[in-house]
Amino acid sequence: MAIEIKPIPVLRGEAAVRFVEEADRNAKEKRGSIDFTKQVEKMRAILKRSKLYQET
């Protein structure tokens, strides 16, 4: 039995404007706010053991 394909909802009017403004504000303010230092250190340790990593 086939599953009906439903259309994707589209924002219009004031809701669309608010959505775009909020997305732009979040992109500017929260960009790069996650610190991956610990994960990068673990990744480098794994690569050093596998002899695939060369320090620059």
Protein backbone atom coordinates (compact mmCIF):
# COMPACT_ATOMS: atom_id res chain seq x y z
CA MET A 1 0.00 0.00 0.00
CA ALA A 2 1.35 3.42 -0.92
CA ILE A 3 1.85 6.21 1.62
CA GLU A 4 0.36 9.54 0.70
CA ILE A 5 2.93 12.28 0.12
CA LYS A 6 1.97 15.37 2.07
CA PRO A 7 2.97 18.84 0.93
CA ILE A 8 5.64 20.72 2.86
CA PRO A 9 4.16 23.61 4.84
CA VAL A 10 5.32 27.04 3.71
CA LEU A 11 5.49 30.11 5.93
CA ARG A 12 3.96 33.25 4.52
CA GLY A 13 3.50 36.83 5.58
CA GLU A 14 4.49 38.00 9.04
CA ALA A 15 5.36 34.46 10.21
CA ALA A 16 7.87 34.09 7.38
CA VAL A 17 9.46 37.46 8.14
CA ARG A 18 9.74 36.62 11.85
CA PHE A 19 11.27 33.22 11.04
CA VAL A 20 13.94 34.70 8.75
CA GLU A 21 14.80 37.46 11.23
CA GLU A 22 15.12 34.96 14.09
CA ALA A 23 17.25 32.61 11.97
CA ASP A 24 19.57 35.46 10.97
CA ARG A 25 19.90 36.66 14.56
CA ASN A 26 20.67 33.14 15.81
CA ALA A 27 23.24 32.60 13.06
CA LYS A 28 25.11 35.76 14.06
CA GLU A 29 24.91 35.42 17.84
CA LYS A 30 25.33 31.68 18.37
CA ARG A 31 27.82 30.88 15.65
CA GLY A 32 30.80 28.96 16.96
CA SER A 33 29.44 28.77 20.49
CA ILE A 34 30.24 25.05 20.89
CA ASP A 35 33.72 24.16 22.15
CA PHE A 36 35.04 20.97 20.57
CA THR A 37 38.51 21.17 22.15
CA LYS A 38 38.16 17.93 24.10
CA GLN A 39 36.84 16.03 21.09
CA VAL A 40 39.67 17.33 18.91
CA GLU A 41 42.26 16.22 21.48
CA LYS A 42 40.74 12.72 21.57
CA MET A 43 40.67 12.58 17.78
CA ARG A 44 44.36 13.57 17.55
CA ALA A 45 45.31 10.93 20.13
CA ILE A 46 43.51 8.24 18.14
CA LEU A 47 45.12 9.35 14.89
CA LYS A 48 48.60 9.46 16.45
CA ARG A 49 48.22 5.85 17.56
CA SER A 50 47.12 4.87 14.06
CA LYS A 51 50.08 6.71 12.48
CA LEU A 52 47.76 8.69 10.20
CA TYR A 53 48.26 12.05 11.91
CA GLN A 54 51.13 14.41 11.19
CA GLU A 55 51.47 17.50 13.37
CA THR A 56 51.92 20.75 11.50
